[in-house]
N, C-alpha and C. Protein backbone atom coordinates (compact mmCIF):
# COMPACT_ATOMS: atom_id res chain seq x y z
N LYS A 1 31.19 76.09 44.31
CA LYS A 1 30.35 75.48 43.86
C LYS A 1 29.99 75.77 45.35
N MET A 2 28.07 76.00 45.21
CA MET A 2 27.11 76.31 46.23
C MET A 2 26.35 75.17 46.42
N GLY A 3 26.00 75.26 48.04
CA GLY A 3 24.48 74.46 48.13
C GLY A 3 24.64 73.05 48.11
N ALA A 4 24.23 72.17 46.94
CA ALA A 4 23.61 70.88 47.03
C ALA A 4 25.06 70.84 46.32
N LEU A 5 25.21 71.95 45.25
CA LEU A 5 26.50 71.78 44.55
C LEU A 5 27.97 71.44 45.42
N GLN A 6 27.72 71.26 46.10
CA GLN A 6 29.36 71.07 46.78
C GLN A 6 29.89 69.43 46.69
N ASP A 7 28.85 68.84 47.38
CA ASP A 7 29.05 66.66 46.38
C ASP A 7 28.10 66.96 45.59
N ASP A 8 29.67 66.02 44.94
CA ASP A 8 29.69 65.46 44.11
C ASP A 8 28.95 64.21 43.18
N ALA A 9 28.32 63.66 44.50
CA ALA A 9 27.18 62.65 43.98
C ALA A 9 25.97 63.18 43.56
N LYS A 10 25.49 64.54 45.17
CA LYS A 10 24.37 64.51 45.57
C LYS A 10 24.49 65.78 43.63
N CYS A 11 24.75 66.34 43.24
CA CYS A 11 25.26 67.36 42.56
C CYS A 11 24.73 66.78 41.16
N LYS A 12 25.88 65.43 40.96
CA LYS A 12 24.73 64.44 39.84
C LYS A 12 23.65 64.38 39.73
N ALA A 13 23.00 63.40 40.81
CA ALA A 13 21.97 63.79 40.96
C ALA A 13 20.42 64.68 40.75
N TYR A 14 21.27 65.83 40.94
CA TYR A 14 20.31 67.33 41.17
C TYR A 14 20.54 67.41 39.34
N ALA A 15 21.65 66.66 38.77
CA ALA A 15 21.66 67.57 37.27
C ALA A 15 20.51 66.33 36.40
N VAL A 16 21.17 65.24 37.11
CA VAL A 16 20.23 64.26 36.26
C VAL A 16 18.64 64.96 36.17
N GLU A 17 18.36 65.44 37.98
CA GLU A 17 16.48 65.40 37.82
C GLU A 17 16.34 66.71 36.89
N VAL A 18 17.40 67.70 36.87
CA VAL A 18 17.12 69.58 36.02
C VAL A 18 17.46 68.70 34.39
N ARG A 19 18.54 67.37 33.91
CA ARG A 19 18.15 67.00 32.94
C ARG A 19 16.69 66.88 31.94
N GLU A 20 15.99 65.97 32.86
CA GLU A 20 15.35 64.89 33.16
C GLU A 20 13.71 66.00 32.89
N VAL A 21 14.22 66.34 33.73
CA VAL A 21 12.93 67.58 33.54
C VAL A 21 12.58 69.01 32.28
N LEU A 22 13.73 69.51 32.26
CA LEU A 22 13.92 70.07 31.02
C LEU A 22 14.02 69.16 29.45
N ALA A 23 14.32 67.66 29.89
CA ALA A 23 13.08 66.92 28.32
C ALA A 23 11.87 67.36 28.37
N ASP A 24 11.71 66.80 29.53
CA ASP A 24 10.27 66.41 29.60
C ASP A 24 9.40 68.01 29.76
N LEU A 25 9.81 69.06 30.04
CA LEU A 25 9.40 70.56 29.34
C LEU A 25 8.94 70.86 27.68
N GLY A 26 9.93 70.69 27.05
CA GLY A 26 9.93 69.91 25.99
C GLY A 26 10.54 71.37 24.65
N PRO A 27 11.02 71.29 23.86
CA PRO A 27 11.70 71.59 22.50
C PRO A 27 12.47 73.05 23.15
N ALA A 28 12.06 74.40 23.81
CA ALA A 28 12.45 74.89 24.25
C ALA A 28 13.18 74.92 25.15
N PHE A 29 12.73 74.07 25.90
CA PHE A 29 13.83 74.05 27.64
C PHE A 29 14.64 72.86 27.24
N ILE A 30 14.64 72.04 26.57
CA ILE A 30 15.98 71.26 26.13
C ILE A 30 16.77 72.67 25.29
N LYS A 31 16.74 73.12 24.17
CA LYS A 31 17.43 74.41 23.66
C LYS A 31 17.87 74.14 25.47
N ALA A 32 17.70 75.41 25.69
CA ALA A 32 18.09 75.85 27.16
C ALA A 32 19.27 75.48 27.29
N GLY A 33 18.66 74.40 28.02
CA GLY A 33 19.49 73.38 28.16
C GLY A 33 20.69 73.27 28.00
N GLN A 34 20.53 73.07 26.66
CA GLN A 34 22.31 72.43 25.20
C GLN A 34 23.09 74.00 25.67
N ALA A 35 22.10 75.04 25.84
CA ALA A 35 23.01 76.01 25.27
C ALA A 35 24.20 76.41 26.65
N LEU A 36 23.15 75.37 28.54
CA LEU A 36 23.85 76.51 29.53
C LEU A 36 25.15 74.49 28.97
N SER A 37 25.13 74.24 28.42
CA SER A 37 25.68 72.57 28.00
C SER A 37 27.23 73.20 28.21
N ILE A 38 27.06 74.68 27.50
CA ILE A 38 28.29 74.25 26.92
C ILE A 38 29.64 75.99 28.00
N ARG A 39 28.22 75.81 28.92
CA ARG A 39 28.99 77.30 29.81
C ARG A 39 29.68 76.77 31.11
N PRO A 40 30.89 76.44 31.17
CA PRO A 40 31.53 76.27 32.57
C PRO A 40 31.77 77.17 33.12
N ASP A 41 32.09 78.38 33.20
CA ASP A 41 31.72 79.74 33.77
C ASP A 41 30.06 79.52 34.93
N LEU A 42 29.86 79.31 34.28
CA LEU A 42 28.13 78.93 35.74
C LEU A 42 27.95 77.63 36.66
N LEU A 43 28.45 76.66 35.12
CA LEU A 43 28.58 75.41 36.09
C LEU A 43 29.23 74.06 36.20
N PRO A 44 28.77 73.64 37.44
CA PRO A 44 30.26 72.66 37.50
C PRO A 44 30.42 71.91 36.41
N GLU A 45 31.61 71.00 36.34
CA GLU A 45 31.78 69.72 35.67
C GLU A 45 30.47 68.82 35.34
N VAL A 46 30.01 68.82 36.33
CA VAL A 46 29.72 66.89 36.30
C VAL A 46 28.20 67.40 35.08
N VAL A 47 27.72 68.48 36.43
CA VAL A 47 26.24 69.07 35.51
C VAL A 47 26.24 69.77 34.02
N LEU A 48 27.41 69.95 33.36
CA LEU A 48 27.37 69.98 32.04
C LEU A 48 27.66 68.77 31.42
N LYS A 49 28.40 67.86 32.15
CA LYS A 49 28.55 66.72 30.80
C LYS A 49 26.45 66.46 30.92
N GLU A 50 25.92 66.27 31.65
CA GLU A 50 24.77 65.74 32.16
C GLU A 50 23.90 66.25 31.30
N LEU A 51 24.04 67.98 30.75
CA LEU A 51 23.59 68.73 30.25
C LEU A 51 23.39 68.54 28.69
N GLN A 52 24.88 67.71 29.02
CA GLN A 52 25.44 67.68 26.59
C GLN A 52 24.02 66.37 26.88
N ARG A 53 23.84 65.80 27.82
CA ARG A 53 23.62 64.96 27.44
C ARG A 53 22.34 65.65 26.30
N LEU A 54 21.44 66.67 26.55
CA LEU A 54 20.35 67.00 25.30
C LEU A 54 20.84 67.25 24.72
N CYS A 55 21.78 67.76 24.30
CA CYS A 55 22.47 67.65 23.30
C CYS A 55 22.45 66.51 22.15
N ASP A 56 23.09 65.25 22.04
CA ASP A 56 23.09 64.15 21.75
C ASP A 56 21.70 62.60 21.99
N ASP A 57 21.18 63.00 23.24
CA ASP A 57 20.25 62.12 23.60
C ASP A 57 18.61 62.64 23.74
N CYS A 58 18.04 63.59 23.09
CA CYS A 58 17.26 64.14 23.72
C CYS A 58 15.92 62.94 22.84
N PRO A 59 14.69 63.58 23.65
CA PRO A 59 14.18 62.50 23.45
C PRO A 59 13.52 63.21 21.49
N ALA A 60 12.85 62.28 20.52
CA ALA A 60 12.20 62.86 19.22
C ALA A 60 10.45 63.06 19.22
N ILE A 61 10.11 64.24 19.02
CA ILE A 61 8.73 63.89 18.82
C ILE A 61 8.87 63.69 16.63
N THR A 62 7.60 62.96 16.44
CA THR A 62 7.02 63.11 15.61
C THR A 62 6.99 64.17 14.18
N TRP A 63 6.11 63.54 13.11
CA TRP A 63 6.14 65.18 12.22
C TRP A 63 4.64 65.63 12.85
N ALA A 64 3.78 64.55 12.91
CA ALA A 64 2.45 64.51 13.09
C ALA A 64 2.37 65.54 14.51
N GLU A 65 2.87 64.85 14.95
CA GLU A 65 3.01 66.07 16.33
C GLU A 65 3.40 67.79 16.47
N ALA A 66 4.62 67.61 15.69
CA ALA A 66 5.23 68.70 15.75
C ALA A 66 4.55 70.11 14.33
N ARG A 67 4.06 69.39 13.29
CA ARG A 67 3.12 69.82 12.51
C ARG A 67 1.63 70.95 13.72
N ALA A 68 1.24 69.98 13.93
CA ALA A 68 -0.28 69.98 15.28
C ALA A 68 0.21 71.16 16.36
N THR A 69 1.20 70.82 16.10
CA THR A 69 1.67 72.33 17.03
C THR A 69 2.04 73.60 16.95
N LEU A 70 2.87 73.00 15.58
CA LEU A 70 2.97 74.46 15.12
C LEU A 70 1.90 75.04 14.45
N GLU A 71 1.06 74.02 13.66
CA GLU A 71 -0.81 74.65 13.21
C GLU A 71 -1.93 74.96 14.82
N ALA A 72 -1.37 74.46 15.53
CA ALA A 72 -2.60 75.53 16.79
C ALA A 72 -1.74 76.41 17.35
N GLU A 73 -0.81 76.73 16.82
CA GLU A 73 0.17 78.21 17.70
C GLU A 73 -0.25 79.20 16.46
N LEU A 74 -0.15 78.94 15.49
CA LEU A 74 -0.60 79.46 14.26
C LEU A 74 -1.63 79.85 13.83
N GLY A 75 -2.62 78.63 14.47
CA GLY A 75 -4.42 79.07 13.82
C GLY A 75 -4.63 79.05 12.89
N GLN A 76 -3.69 78.15 12.37
CA GLN A 76 -3.73 77.97 10.61
C GLN A 76 -2.93 77.30 10.13
N SER A 77 -3.99 75.63 9.32
CA SER A 77 -2.61 74.67 8.48
C SER A 77 -1.16 75.49 7.83
N LEU A 78 -0.35 74.33 8.16
CA LEU A 78 0.59 75.09 7.19
C LEU A 78 0.66 75.48 5.78
N GLY A 79 0.11 74.93 4.94
CA GLY A 79 -0.61 75.04 3.88
C GLY A 79 -0.88 76.85 3.02
N ASP A 80 -1.34 77.13 4.47
CA ASP A 80 -1.99 78.25 4.11
C ASP A 80 -0.74 79.83 4.34
N VAL A 81 0.23 79.11 5.46
CA VAL A 81 1.50 80.25 5.74
C VAL A 81 2.48 80.05 5.11
N PHE A 82 2.82 78.78 4.72
CA PHE A 82 3.58 78.60 3.40
C PHE A 82 3.19 78.13 2.40
N ALA A 83 4.00 78.78 0.99
CA ALA A 83 4.00 77.70 -0.26
C ALA A 83 4.46 77.10 -0.58
N ASP A 84 5.42 75.97 0.03
CA ASP A 84 5.44 74.61 -0.22
C ASP A 84 6.55 73.71 0.37
N LEU A 85 5.62 73.22 1.41
CA LEU A 85 6.12 71.91 2.51
C LEU A 85 5.85 71.00 2.09
N ASP A 86 7.30 70.43 2.24
CA ASP A 86 7.06 68.72 1.97
C ASP A 86 7.40 68.03 3.28
N ASP A 87 6.27 67.13 3.18
CA ASP A 87 6.13 66.59 4.40
C ASP A 87 6.81 64.98 4.71
N SER A 88 7.48 65.06 3.74
CA SER A 88 8.77 63.82 3.51
C SER A 88 9.93 64.44 4.77
N PRO A 89 10.96 63.28 5.62
CA PRO A 89 11.79 63.67 6.19
C PRO A 89 13.03 64.47 5.22
N GLN A 90 13.98 65.20 6.02
CA GLN A 90 15.03 66.03 5.21
C GLN A 90 15.86 66.11 5.51
N PRO A 91 17.28 65.48 5.03
CA PRO A 91 18.84 65.19 6.01
C PRO A 91 18.77 67.18 5.83
N VAL A 92 19.16 67.40 7.30
CA VAL A 92 19.86 68.99 7.65
C VAL A 92 21.15 69.24 8.76
N ALA A 93 21.89 69.55 9.12
CA ALA A 93 22.64 69.54 9.44
C ALA A 93 22.34 70.83 10.23
N ALA A 94 22.04 70.11 11.70
CA ALA A 94 21.40 71.65 12.71
C ALA A 94 22.27 71.35 13.82
């Protein structure tokens, strides 16, 4: 442990802050936090446990938000990109 990570209480507070920032930054950063949550060679256990909350308890976005983001990034409607797209929720194992 180095710097602020030496004190467990400060480390926990720092970990909570990092998790919240990652969640606020959106899906790509949440995924990065999830990837770090299984790296005990890089981070102390208290940080790992906090980042693991991103695996179980991350904020959801609506399909409308996801669709709007995808269409904005692609510069066209999803119907123009994909031959078949069903807007109803589908069960998936992710």
